Amino acid sequence: MKNVDRRDQQLPYISDAEVMEQQMNARRLTQRLNTIDRSDFDGIAAIVKELFGKSEGAFVNPPFYCDYGSHIEVGKNFFANYNCMMLDVAKIKIGDNCQMAPNVAIYTAGHPVHPAARNSAYEYGIEVTIGDNVWLGGNTVIVPGVHIGSNVVIGAGSVVTKDIPDWTIAAGNPCRVIRKITEEDKQYYFRDRKFDDEAWEVIKDL
């Protein structure tokens, strides 16, 4: 079996010449993205659309790094802030209305634990999925195989090593669920600070 096929079946594979050739397009596109005039919002959005395998209205603040781009699928209104990294050896699937703070890293790529196996040059990619309406705080790291549900907030600096269920706030290293998100949370924008009347008129019926 060819290594590109092994990779796409989430089997151990070796990064041979064919694998590296498939990364070249992403390297060209991320080079353009990371050197574009940062005020050229339309130009940035166009490169992101060309880079990602699937997107609708996605925007990424450069710099941004990935292996393939074509293995990344994002839903509507995706936003990633500065210095996001997605090692998309396997699929990264992200739902609608997801936001990522600066320095978020999503890794599908990994290497064997035992040094003999690791030195064989075999590596792997295991997919990561993220639901709708998810906010990842700054410096969050997501490791291979993790599934994050919908309507989730991940606190800044978290290392997500296990699945996170819907409607939760989770944080820490390793990341753990802190509490459920409730309807009462809707009226607050930061800790105990409530939305003012003008803003609440917009939000209350959403």
N, C-alpha and C. Protein backbone atom coordinates (compact mmCIF):
# COMPACT_ATOMS: atom_id res chain seq x y z
N MET A 1 0.84 -1.19 0.00
CA MET A 1 0.00 0.00 0.00
C MET A 1 0.88 1.25 0.00
N LYS A 2 0.52 2.24 -0.79
CA LYS A 2 1.29 3.48 -0.83
C LYS A 2 1.16 4.23 0.50
N ASN A 3 2.19 4.99 0.82
CA ASN A 3 2.17 5.72 2.08
C ASN A 3 1.06 6.77 2.15
N VAL A 4 0.73 7.40 1.03
CA VAL A 4 -0.37 8.36 1.06
C VAL A 4 -1.69 7.67 1.39
N ASP A 5 -1.87 6.43 0.92
CA ASP A 5 -3.08 5.69 1.24
C ASP A 5 -3.08 5.25 2.70
N ARG A 6 -1.93 4.82 3.17
CA ARG A 6 -1.82 4.46 4.59
C ARG A 6 -2.14 5.67 5.47
N ARG A 7 -1.59 6.81 5.11
CA ARG A 7 -1.86 8.04 5.86
C ARG A 7 -3.35 8.34 5.91
N ASP A 8 -4.02 8.26 4.77
CA ASP A 8 -5.43 8.62 4.69
C ASP A 8 -6.34 7.62 5.38
N GLN A 9 -5.84 6.42 5.64
CA GLN A 9 -6.59 5.41 6.39
C GLN A 9 -6.21 5.42 7.88
N GLN A 10 -5.46 6.44 8.29
CA GLN A 10 -5.02 6.60 9.68
C GLN A 10 -4.17 5.41 10.15
N LEU A 11 -3.41 4.85 9.21
CA LEU A 11 -2.44 3.80 9.52
C LEU A 11 -1.04 4.41 9.63
N PRO A 12 -0.10 3.72 10.27
CA PRO A 12 1.27 4.22 10.27
C PRO A 12 1.79 4.37 8.84
N TYR A 13 2.47 5.47 8.57
CA TYR A 13 2.99 5.74 7.22
C TYR A 13 4.32 6.44 7.34
N ILE A 14 5.04 6.48 6.23
CA ILE A 14 6.33 7.17 6.15
C ILE A 14 6.19 8.36 5.20
N SER A 15 6.74 9.48 5.60
CA SER A 15 6.67 10.69 4.76
C SER A 15 7.66 10.59 3.62
N ASP A 16 7.24 9.89 2.57
CA ASP A 16 8.10 9.71 1.40
C ASP A 16 7.93 10.89 0.44
N ALA A 17 8.53 10.78 -0.73
CA ALA A 17 8.51 11.89 -1.70
C ALA A 17 7.10 12.24 -2.14
N GLU A 18 6.23 11.24 -2.30
CA GLU A 18 4.85 11.50 -2.72
C GLU A 18 4.08 12.24 -1.63
N VAL A 19 4.29 11.85 -0.40
CA VAL A 19 3.65 12.55 0.72
C VAL A 19 4.10 14.01 0.76
N MET A 20 5.39 14.23 0.66
CA MET A 20 5.90 15.60 0.73
C MET A 20 5.44 16.44 -0.45
N GLU A 21 5.30 15.82 -1.61
CA GLU A 21 4.82 16.55 -2.79
C GLU A 21 3.40 17.08 -2.55
N GLN A 22 2.59 16.31 -1.83
CA GLN A 22 1.23 16.75 -1.55
C GLN A 22 1.19 17.93 -0.59
N GLN A 23 2.26 18.13 0.17
CA GLN A 23 2.32 19.26 1.08
C GLN A 23 2.76 20.56 0.40
N MET A 24 3.29 20.45 -0.81
CA MET A 24 3.87 21.62 -1.45
C MET A 24 2.85 22.72 -1.71
N ASN A 25 1.64 22.35 -2.11
CA ASN A 25 0.62 23.37 -2.38
C ASN A 25 0.31 24.17 -1.13
N ALA A 26 0.18 23.48 0.02
CA ALA A 26 -0.09 24.17 1.28
C ALA A 26 1.06 25.10 1.65
N ARG A 27 2.27 24.68 1.37
CA ARG A 27 3.42 25.53 1.71
C ARG A 27 3.44 26.79 0.85
N ARG A 28 3.07 26.63 -0.42
CA ARG A 28 3.00 27.81 -1.29
C ARG A 28 1.91 28.77 -0.82
N LEU A 29 0.74 28.20 -0.49
CA LEU A 29 -0.39 29.04 -0.10
C LEU A 29 -0.16 29.71 1.26
N THR A 30 0.41 28.98 2.22
CA THR A 30 0.68 29.61 3.52
C THR A 30 1.79 30.66 3.40
N GLN A 31 2.71 30.46 2.49
CA GLN A 31 3.72 31.49 2.24
C GLN A 31 3.05 32.77 1.74
N ARG A 32 2.12 32.64 0.81
CA ARG A 32 1.38 33.81 0.32
C ARG A 32 0.56 34.43 1.44
N LEU A 33 -0.11 33.59 2.23
CA LEU A 33 -0.96 34.10 3.31
C LEU A 33 -0.14 34.86 4.35
N ASN A 34 1.02 34.32 4.69
CA ASN A 34 1.80 34.88 5.78
C ASN A 34 2.64 36.09 5.37
N THR A 35 2.65 36.41 4.08
CA THR A 35 3.39 37.58 3.62
C THR A 35 2.48 38.63 2.97
N ILE A 36 1.18 38.38 2.94
CA ILE A 36 0.25 39.32 2.32
C ILE A 36 0.11 40.57 3.18
N ASP A 37 -0.27 41.67 2.56
CA ASP A 37 -0.61 42.89 3.30
C ASP A 37 -1.72 42.55 4.30
N ARG A 38 -1.48 42.74 5.58
CA ARG A 38 -2.43 42.32 6.60
C ARG A 38 -3.72 43.11 6.57
N SER A 39 -3.74 44.22 5.85
CA SER A 39 -4.99 44.99 5.71
C SER A 39 -5.81 44.55 4.50
N ASP A 40 -5.29 43.62 3.72
CA ASP A 40 -6.00 43.11 2.53
C ASP A 40 -6.91 41.96 2.95
N PHE A 41 -8.02 42.31 3.61
CA PHE A 41 -8.91 41.29 4.16
C PHE A 41 -9.51 40.40 3.09
N ASP A 42 -9.86 40.98 1.95
CA ASP A 42 -10.42 40.17 0.86
C ASP A 42 -9.38 39.20 0.33
N GLY A 43 -8.15 39.66 0.20
CA GLY A 43 -7.08 38.79 -0.29
C GLY A 43 -6.80 37.65 0.68
N ILE A 44 -6.81 37.95 1.96
CA ILE A 44 -6.60 36.90 2.98
C ILE A 44 -7.71 35.86 2.89
N ALA A 45 -8.95 36.33 2.84
CA ALA A 45 -10.09 35.41 2.78
C ALA A 45 -10.02 34.52 1.54
N ALA A 46 -9.58 35.07 0.42
CA ALA A 46 -9.49 34.29 -0.83
C ALA A 46 -8.44 33.19 -0.71
N ILE A 47 -7.29 33.49 -0.10
CA ILE A 47 -6.25 32.47 0.08
C ILE A 47 -6.73 31.38 1.02
N VAL A 48 -7.40 31.77 2.10
CA VAL A 48 -7.92 30.78 3.06
C VAL A 48 -8.90 29.84 2.38
N LYS A 49 -9.77 30.40 1.54
CA LYS A 49 -10.73 29.56 0.83
C LYS A 49 -10.03 28.59 -0.10
N GLU A 50 -8.98 29.04 -0.76
CA GLU A 50 -8.21 28.17 -1.65
C GLU A 50 -7.44 27.11 -0.86
N LEU A 51 -6.99 27.47 0.33
CA LEU A 51 -6.18 26.57 1.14
C LEU A 51 -6.99 25.45 1.76
N PHE A 52 -8.13 25.79 2.34
CA PHE A 52 -8.91 24.80 3.08
C PHE A 52 -9.66 23.87 2.15
N GLY A 53 -9.85 22.63 2.63
CA GLY A 53 -10.63 21.67 1.85
C GLY A 53 -12.08 22.05 1.76
N LYS A 54 -12.61 22.70 2.81
CA LYS A 54 -14.00 23.14 2.82
C LYS A 54 -14.12 24.32 3.76
N SER A 55 -14.76 25.38 3.29
CA SER A 55 -14.97 26.55 4.14
C SER A 55 -16.07 27.41 3.54
N GLU A 56 -16.70 28.21 4.40
CA GLU A 56 -17.73 29.15 3.95
C GLU A 56 -17.64 30.39 4.84
N GLY A 57 -17.02 31.42 4.30
CA GLY A 57 -16.87 32.66 5.06
C GLY A 57 -15.79 32.58 6.12
N ALA A 58 -14.79 31.74 5.93
CA ALA A 58 -13.72 31.58 6.92
C ALA A 58 -12.73 32.73 6.82
N PHE A 59 -12.18 33.10 7.98
CA PHE A 59 -11.13 34.12 8.01
C PHE A 59 -10.06 33.71 9.01
N VAL A 60 -8.80 33.90 8.62
CA VAL A 60 -7.66 33.55 9.46
C VAL A 60 -6.74 34.75 9.52
N ASN A 61 -6.36 35.17 10.71
CA ASN A 61 -5.37 36.23 10.85
C ASN A 61 -3.98 35.63 10.72
N PRO A 62 -3.21 36.02 9.70
CA PRO A 62 -1.87 35.47 9.56
C PRO A 62 -0.98 35.90 10.73
N PRO A 63 0.05 35.12 11.07
CA PRO A 63 0.49 33.91 10.36
C PRO A 63 -0.33 32.68 10.72
N PHE A 64 -0.36 31.75 9.77
CA PHE A 64 -1.08 30.49 9.93
C PHE A 64 -0.23 29.39 9.33
N TYR A 65 -0.27 28.21 9.95
CA TYR A 65 0.56 27.10 9.48
C TYR A 65 -0.26 25.81 9.43
N CYS A 66 -0.06 25.04 8.37
CA CYS A 66 -0.68 23.72 8.27
C CYS A 66 0.16 22.85 7.36
N ASP A 67 -0.14 21.55 7.33
CA ASP A 67 0.61 20.62 6.48
C ASP A 67 0.01 20.49 5.09
N TYR A 68 -1.33 20.43 5.02
CA TYR A 68 -1.99 20.17 3.73
C TYR A 68 -3.07 21.21 3.42
N GLY A 69 -3.80 21.64 4.41
CA GLY A 69 -4.90 22.56 4.16
C GLY A 69 -6.12 21.85 3.63
N SER A 70 -5.93 21.02 2.63
CA SER A 70 -7.05 20.29 2.02
C SER A 70 -7.68 19.29 2.98
N HIS A 71 -7.00 18.97 4.08
CA HIS A 71 -7.55 18.07 5.10
C HIS A 71 -8.31 18.82 6.18
N ILE A 72 -8.45 20.14 6.02
CA ILE A 72 -9.15 20.97 7.00
C ILE A 72 -10.53 21.33 6.44
N GLU A 73 -11.57 21.03 7.21
CA GLU A 73 -12.94 21.39 6.83
C GLU A 73 -13.53 22.23 7.95
N VAL A 74 -13.92 23.46 7.61
CA VAL A 74 -14.53 24.34 8.62
C VAL A 74 -15.91 24.78 8.14
N GLY A 75 -16.81 25.01 9.10
CA GLY A 75 -18.17 25.43 8.79
C GLY A 75 -18.26 26.93 8.57
N LYS A 76 -19.47 27.44 8.68
CA LYS A 76 -19.72 28.86 8.45
C LYS A 76 -19.11 29.71 9.56
N ASN A 77 -18.63 30.90 9.16
CA ASN A 77 -18.18 31.92 10.12
C ASN A 77 -17.02 31.46 10.99
N PHE A 78 -16.10 30.72 10.41
CA PHE A 78 -14.91 30.29 11.16
C PHE A 78 -13.93 31.44 11.27
N PHE A 79 -13.33 31.58 12.46
CA PHE A 79 -12.31 32.60 12.66
C PHE A 79 -11.17 32.03 13.49
N ALA A 80 -9.95 32.21 13.01
CA ALA A 80 -8.76 31.83 13.76
C ALA A 80 -7.86 33.06 13.89
N ASN A 81 -7.45 33.35 15.10
CA ASN A 81 -6.61 34.51 15.34
C ASN A 81 -5.13 34.17 15.09
N TYR A 82 -4.27 35.12 15.35
CA TYR A 82 -2.86 35.04 14.97
C TYR A 82 -2.17 33.75 15.44
N ASN A 83 -1.30 33.24 14.58
CA ASN A 83 -0.37 32.17 14.91
C ASN A 83 -1.07 30.84 15.21
N CYS A 84 -2.13 30.56 14.49
CA CYS A 84 -2.80 29.27 14.60
C CYS A 84 -2.01 28.22 13.81
N MET A 85 -1.96 26.99 14.35
CA MET A 85 -1.27 25.91 13.67
C MET A 85 -2.15 24.68 13.65
N MET A 86 -2.35 24.10 12.46
CA MET A 86 -3.13 22.88 12.32
C MET A 86 -2.30 21.85 11.56
N LEU A 87 -1.83 20.84 12.27
CA LEU A 87 -1.09 19.76 11.61
C LEU A 87 -2.11 18.73 11.13
N ASP A 88 -2.56 18.93 9.91
CA ASP A 88 -3.71 18.18 9.36
C ASP A 88 -3.27 16.97 8.55
N VAL A 89 -2.46 16.10 9.15
CA VAL A 89 -2.13 14.83 8.51
C VAL A 89 -3.41 14.04 8.30
N ALA A 90 -4.24 13.96 9.34
CA ALA A 90 -5.59 13.42 9.23
C ALA A 90 -6.57 14.58 9.16
N LYS A 91 -7.84 14.27 8.97
CA LYS A 91 -8.87 15.30 8.85
C LYS A 91 -8.99 16.11 10.14
N ILE A 92 -9.19 17.40 9.98
CA ILE A 92 -9.63 18.29 11.05
C ILE A 92 -10.98 18.84 10.60
N LYS A 93 -12.04 18.47 11.32
CA LYS A 93 -13.39 18.90 10.97
C LYS A 93 -13.92 19.81 12.07
N ILE A 94 -14.32 21.02 11.67
CA ILE A 94 -14.75 22.04 12.61
C ILE A 94 -16.11 22.57 12.16
N GLY A 95 -17.05 22.72 13.09
CA GLY A 95 -18.41 23.11 12.77
C GLY A 95 -18.58 24.60 12.52
N ASP A 96 -19.83 25.06 12.58
CA ASP A 96 -20.18 26.46 12.32
C ASP A 96 -19.86 27.34 13.54
N ASN A 97 -19.57 28.61 13.23
CA ASN A 97 -19.44 29.65 14.26
C ASN A 97 -18.39 29.33 15.31
N CYS A 98 -17.25 28.83 14.87
CA CYS A 98 -16.16 28.50 15.79
C CYS A 98 -15.09 29.58 15.75
N GLN A 99 -14.54 29.87 16.93
CA GLN A 99 -13.53 30.90 17.07
C GLN A 99 -12.32 30.35 17.80
N MET A 100 -11.14 30.79 17.36
CA MET A 100 -9.90 30.38 17.99
C MET A 100 -9.09 31.62 18.33
N ALA A 101 -8.69 31.71 19.58
CA ALA A 101 -7.83 32.80 20.03
C ALA A 101 -6.41 32.59 19.52
N PRO A 102 -5.50 33.53 19.76
CA PRO A 102 -4.13 33.37 19.26
C PRO A 102 -3.43 32.12 19.81
N ASN A 103 -2.54 31.59 18.98
CA ASN A 103 -1.63 30.49 19.36
C ASN A 103 -2.33 29.16 19.62
N VAL A 104 -3.49 28.95 19.02
CA VAL A 104 -4.14 27.65 19.12
C VAL A 104 -3.41 26.66 18.21
N ALA A 105 -3.22 25.43 18.71
CA ALA A 105 -2.56 24.39 17.93
C ALA A 105 -3.43 23.13 17.95
N ILE A 106 -3.72 22.61 16.77
CA ILE A 106 -4.47 21.37 16.63
C ILE A 106 -3.56 20.36 15.93
N TYR A 107 -3.27 19.28 16.63
CA TYR A 107 -2.36 18.27 16.10
C TYR A 107 -3.12 16.98 15.80
N THR A 108 -3.12 16.57 14.55
CA THR A 108 -3.55 15.20 14.25
C THR A 108 -2.34 14.28 14.10
N ALA A 109 -1.17 14.86 13.99
CA ALA A 109 0.06 14.10 13.73
C ALA A 109 0.68 13.60 15.03
N GLY A 110 1.28 12.40 14.96
CA GLY A 110 1.97 11.87 16.12
C GLY A 110 3.01 10.84 15.73
N HIS A 111 3.77 10.40 16.73
CA HIS A 111 4.85 9.44 16.53
C HIS A 111 4.77 8.36 17.61
N PRO A 112 5.25 7.15 17.33
CA PRO A 112 5.21 6.08 18.32
C PRO A 112 5.98 6.45 19.59
N VAL A 113 5.56 5.87 20.71
CA VAL A 113 6.19 6.14 21.99
C VAL A 113 7.55 5.45 22.10
N HIS A 114 7.64 4.19 21.68
CA HIS A 114 8.89 3.44 21.83
C HIS A 114 9.93 3.97 20.85
N PRO A 115 11.18 4.23 21.30
CA PRO A 115 12.17 4.84 20.41
C PRO A 115 12.50 4.01 19.18
N ALA A 116 12.50 2.69 19.31
CA ALA A 116 12.80 1.86 18.13
C ALA A 116 11.73 2.04 17.07
N ALA A 117 10.46 2.04 17.49
CA ALA A 117 9.37 2.24 16.54
C ALA A 117 9.40 3.66 15.98
N ARG A 118 9.70 4.62 16.85
CA ARG A 118 9.75 6.02 16.40
C ARG A 118 10.87 6.25 15.40
N ASN A 119 12.02 5.61 15.61
CA ASN A 119 13.16 5.78 14.71
C ASN A 119 13.00 5.06 13.38
N SER A 120 11.94 4.28 13.25
CA SER A 120 11.66 3.60 11.98
C SER A 120 11.17 4.56 10.90
N ALA A 121 10.85 5.80 11.30
CA ALA A 121 10.30 6.84 10.42
C ALA A 121 8.80 6.72 10.23
N TYR A 122 8.18 5.71 10.84
CA TYR A 122 6.71 5.64 10.78
C TYR A 122 6.12 6.68 11.71
N GLU A 123 5.09 7.33 11.20
CA GLU A 123 4.31 8.29 11.98
C GLU A 123 2.84 8.03 11.70
N TYR A 124 1.96 8.85 12.25
CA TYR A 124 0.53 8.62 12.04
C TYR A 124 -0.24 9.92 12.13
N GLY A 125 -1.49 9.87 11.67
CA GLY A 125 -2.42 10.98 11.83
C GLY A 125 -3.77 10.43 12.24
N ILE A 126 -4.35 10.96 13.32
CA ILE A 126 -5.66 10.57 13.81
C ILE A 126 -6.53 11.82 13.85
N GLU A 127 -7.73 11.75 13.26
CA GLU A 127 -8.54 12.94 13.05
C GLU A 127 -8.99 13.60 14.35
N VAL A 128 -9.24 14.90 14.24
CA VAL A 128 -9.79 15.72 15.32
C VAL A 128 -11.09 16.33 14.82
N THR A 129 -12.14 16.31 15.65
CA THR A 129 -13.40 16.94 15.28
C THR A 129 -13.84 17.92 16.37
N ILE A 130 -14.42 19.01 15.92
CA ILE A 130 -14.91 20.07 16.80
C ILE A 130 -16.31 20.44 16.33
N GLY A 131 -17.26 20.55 17.25
CA GLY A 131 -18.65 20.83 16.90
C GLY A 131 -18.90 22.29 16.57
N ASP A 132 -20.17 22.70 16.66
CA ASP A 132 -20.59 24.07 16.38
C ASP A 132 -20.43 24.96 17.61
N ASN A 133 -20.24 26.25 17.36
CA ASN A 133 -20.25 27.26 18.44
C ASN A 133 -19.22 26.97 19.52
N VAL A 134 -18.00 26.69 19.09
CA VAL A 134 -16.92 26.39 20.02
C VAL A 134 -15.92 27.53 20.03
N TRP A 135 -15.49 27.90 21.22
CA TRP A 135 -14.46 28.94 21.39
C TRP A 135 -13.27 28.30 22.08
N LEU A 136 -12.12 28.34 21.41
CA LEU A 136 -10.87 27.82 21.97
C LEU A 136 -10.03 29.00 22.45
N GLY A 137 -9.71 29.02 23.74
CA GLY A 137 -8.92 30.11 24.31
C GLY A 137 -7.48 30.08 23.85
N GLY A 138 -6.77 31.17 24.07
CA GLY A 138 -5.39 31.32 23.62
C GLY A 138 -4.47 30.23 24.14
N ASN A 139 -3.57 29.79 23.29
CA ASN A 139 -2.57 28.78 23.62
C ASN A 139 -3.16 27.40 23.94
N THR A 140 -4.36 27.15 23.45
CA THR A 140 -4.94 25.81 23.58
C THR A 140 -4.23 24.85 22.64
N VAL A 141 -3.98 23.64 23.12
CA VAL A 141 -3.40 22.57 22.31
C VAL A 141 -4.39 21.40 22.30
N ILE A 142 -4.69 20.90 21.12
CA ILE A 142 -5.56 19.73 20.97
C ILE A 142 -4.74 18.62 20.33
N VAL A 143 -4.72 17.46 20.96
CA VAL A 143 -3.87 16.35 20.50
C VAL A 143 -4.66 15.40 19.62
N PRO A 144 -3.98 14.48 18.92
CA PRO A 144 -4.66 13.59 17.98
C PRO A 144 -5.80 12.78 18.61
N GLY A 145 -6.87 12.64 17.81
CA GLY A 145 -7.98 11.78 18.20
C GLY A 145 -9.03 12.42 19.08
N VAL A 146 -8.88 13.68 19.44
CA VAL A 146 -9.82 14.35 20.35
C VAL A 146 -11.08 14.77 19.60
N HIS A 147 -12.22 14.64 20.27
CA HIS A 147 -13.51 15.11 19.75
C HIS A 147 -14.10 16.09 20.76
N ILE A 148 -14.33 17.31 20.31
CA ILE A 148 -14.93 18.34 21.15
C ILE A 148 -16.36 18.56 20.66
N GLY A 149 -17.30 18.57 21.59
CA GLY A 149 -18.71 18.72 21.23
C GLY A 149 -19.07 20.13 20.82
N SER A 150 -20.36 20.41 20.72
CA SER A 150 -20.87 21.73 20.34
C SER A 150 -21.12 22.59 21.58
N ASN A 151 -21.07 23.91 21.37
CA ASN A 151 -21.36 24.87 22.44
C ASN A 151 -20.41 24.69 23.63
N VAL A 152 -19.12 24.65 23.30
CA VAL A 152 -18.06 24.40 24.28
C VAL A 152 -17.11 25.59 24.33
N VAL A 153 -16.64 25.91 25.52
CA VAL A 153 -15.56 26.89 25.71
C VAL A 153 -14.38 26.16 26.34
N ILE A 154 -13.21 26.29 25.71
CA ILE A 154 -11.98 25.73 26.24
C ILE A 154 -11.12 26.88 26.76
N GLY A 155 -10.76 26.83 28.04
CA GLY A 155 -10.01 27.91 28.66
C GLY A 155 -8.61 28.05 28.12
N ALA A 156 -8.07 29.26 28.21
CA ALA A 156 -6.74 29.55 27.70
C ALA A 156 -5.69 28.66 28.36
N GLY A 157 -4.73 28.22 27.55
CA GLY A 157 -3.62 27.43 28.05
C GLY A 157 -3.92 25.96 28.26
N SER A 158 -5.08 25.50 27.79
CA SER A 158 -5.48 24.12 28.01
C SER A 158 -4.76 23.17 27.06
N VAL A 159 -4.55 21.94 27.52
CA VAL A 159 -4.05 20.86 26.68
C VAL A 159 -5.14 19.79 26.67
N VAL A 160 -5.82 19.67 25.54
CA VAL A 160 -7.00 18.81 25.44
C VAL A 160 -6.55 17.43 24.97
N THR A 161 -6.60 16.47 25.87
CA THR A 161 -6.14 15.11 25.58
C THR A 161 -7.28 14.11 25.49
N LYS A 162 -8.48 14.51 25.95
CA LYS A 162 -9.64 13.62 25.93
C LYS A 162 -10.85 14.37 25.40
N ASP A 163 -11.88 13.60 25.00
CA ASP A 163 -13.08 14.20 24.43
C ASP A 163 -13.76 15.13 25.45
N ILE A 164 -14.40 16.20 24.93
CA ILE A 164 -15.11 17.17 25.76
C ILE A 164 -16.58 17.18 25.31
N PRO A 165 -17.53 17.01 26.23
CA PRO A 165 -18.94 16.93 25.85
C PRO A 165 -19.55 18.29 25.53
N ASP A 166 -20.74 18.26 24.92
CA ASP A 166 -21.48 19.48 24.56
C ASP A 166 -21.77 20.34 25.80
N TRP A 167 -21.93 21.66 25.53
CA TRP A 167 -22.43 22.61 26.53
C TRP A 167 -21.60 22.60 27.81
N THR A 168 -20.28 22.65 27.67
CA THR A 168 -19.42 22.67 28.85
C THR A 168 -18.32 23.71 28.71
N ILE A 169 -17.83 24.14 29.87
CA ILE A 169 -16.58 24.90 29.96
C ILE A 169 -15.54 23.94 30.49
N ALA A 170 -14.40 23.87 29.80
CA ALA A 170 -13.32 22.96 30.20
C ALA A 170 -12.00 23.70 30.13
N ALA A 171 -11.08 23.33 31.01
CA ALA A 171 -9.78 24.01 31.03
C ALA A 171 -8.78 23.16 31.78
N GLY A 172 -7.50 23.51 31.59
CA GLY A 172 -6.43 22.89 32.36
C GLY A 172 -5.52 22.01 31.54
N ASN A 173 -4.49 21.51 32.21
CA ASN A 173 -3.53 20.59 31.59
C ASN A 173 -3.33 19.41 32.54
N PRO A 174 -3.96 18.27 32.23
CA PRO A 174 -4.82 18.03 31.07
C PRO A 174 -6.19 18.71 31.24
N CYS A 175 -6.82 18.99 30.12
CA CYS A 175 -8.09 19.72 30.12
C CYS A 175 -9.20 18.86 30.73
N ARG A 176 -9.96 19.46 31.66
CA ARG A 176 -11.07 18.77 32.30
C ARG A 176 -12.30 19.67 32.31
N VAL A 177 -13.47 19.07 32.29
CA VAL A 177 -14.72 19.82 32.37
C VAL A 177 -14.81 20.51 33.73
N ILE A 178 -15.09 21.82 33.70
CA ILE A 178 -15.26 22.59 34.94
C ILE A 178 -16.74 22.65 35.32
N ARG A 179 -17.60 22.96 34.34
CA ARG A 179 -19.03 23.02 34.62
C ARG A 179 -19.81 23.04 33.32
N LYS A 180 -21.13 22.89 33.45
CA LYS A 180 -22.02 23.02 32.30
C LYS A 180 -22.26 24.49 32.00
N ILE A 181 -22.55 24.79 30.75
CA ILE A 181 -23.02 26.13 30.35
C ILE A 181 -24.54 26.12 30.44
N THR A 182 -25.11 27.10 31.14
CA THR A 182 -26.56 27.16 31.37
C THR A 182 -27.16 28.40 30.72
N GLU A 183 -28.48 28.46 30.72
CA GLU A 183 -29.18 29.62 30.15
C GLU A 183 -28.83 30.89 30.90
N GLU A 184 -28.55 30.78 32.18
CA GLU A 184 -28.19 31.95 32.98
C GLU A 184 -26.92 32.62 32.46
N ASP A 185 -26.01 31.83 31.89
CA ASP A 185 -24.76 32.39 31.37
C ASP A 185 -24.98 33.40 30.26
N LYS A 186 -26.13 33.34 29.62
CA LYS A 186 -26.40 34.20 28.47
C LYS A 186 -26.33 35.68 28.81
N GLN A 187 -26.65 36.04 30.04
CA GLN A 187 -26.73 37.46 30.40
C GLN A 187 -25.38 38.07 30.80
N TYR A 188 -24.33 37.24 30.85
CA TYR A 188 -23.01 37.72 31.26
C TYR A 188 -22.05 37.72 30.08
N TYR A 189 -21.19 38.75 30.01
CA TYR A 189 -20.18 38.78 28.97
C TYR A 189 -18.78 38.49 29.51
N PHE A 190 -18.56 38.72 30.79
CA PHE A 190 -17.26 38.41 31.42
C PHE A 190 -17.46 38.24 32.91
N ARG A 191 -17.21 37.03 33.38
CA ARG A 191 -17.35 36.71 34.81
C ARG A 191 -18.70 37.20 35.33
N ASP A 192 -18.71 38.16 36.29
CA ASP A 192 -19.99 38.61 36.85
C ASP A 192 -20.51 39.89 36.20
N ARG A 193 -19.94 40.26 35.06
CA ARG A 193 -20.37 41.49 34.38
C ARG A 193 -21.50 41.19 33.41
N LYS A 194 -22.66 41.80 33.66
CA LYS A 194 -23.83 41.57 32.81
C LYS A 194 -23.82 42.51 31.61
N PHE A 195 -24.45 42.06 30.52
CA PHE A 195 -24.65 42.94 29.38
C PHE A 195 -25.49 44.13 29.80
N ASP A 196 -25.16 45.31 29.27
CA ASP A 196 -25.98 46.49 29.50
C ASP A 196 -27.29 46.37 28.75
N ASP A 197 -28.24 47.24 29.04
CA ASP A 197 -29.59 47.14 28.47
C ASP A 197 -29.57 47.19 26.94
N GLU A 198 -28.72 48.05 26.38
CA GLU A 198 -28.67 48.18 24.92
C GLU A 198 -28.22 46.87 24.28
N ALA A 199 -27.15 46.29 24.81
CA ALA A 199 -26.66 45.03 24.25
C ALA A 199 -27.64 43.89 24.51
N TRP A 200 -28.25 43.88 25.69
CA TRP A 200 -29.18 42.80 26.05
C TRP A 200 -30.39 42.76 25.12
N GLU A 201 -30.82 43.91 24.63
CA GLU A 201 -31.94 43.95 23.68
C GLU A 201 -31.62 43.17 22.42
N VAL A 202 -30.36 43.17 22.03
CA VAL A 202 -29.94 42.41 20.84
C VAL A 202 -29.83 40.92 21.16
N ILE A 203 -29.32 40.61 22.34
CA ILE A 203 -28.94 39.23 22.68
C ILE A 203 -30.10 38.41 23.22
N LYS A 204 -31.03 39.00 23.95
CA LYS A 204 -31.98 38.26 24.76
C LYS A 204 -32.83 37.27 23.98
N ASP A 205 -33.13 37.58 22.72
CA ASP A 205 -34.02 36.70 21.94
C ASP A 205 -33.24 35.79 20.99
N LEU A 206 -31.94 35.78 21.06
CA LEU A 206 -31.14 34.93 20.19
C LEU A 206 -31.20 33.47 20.65
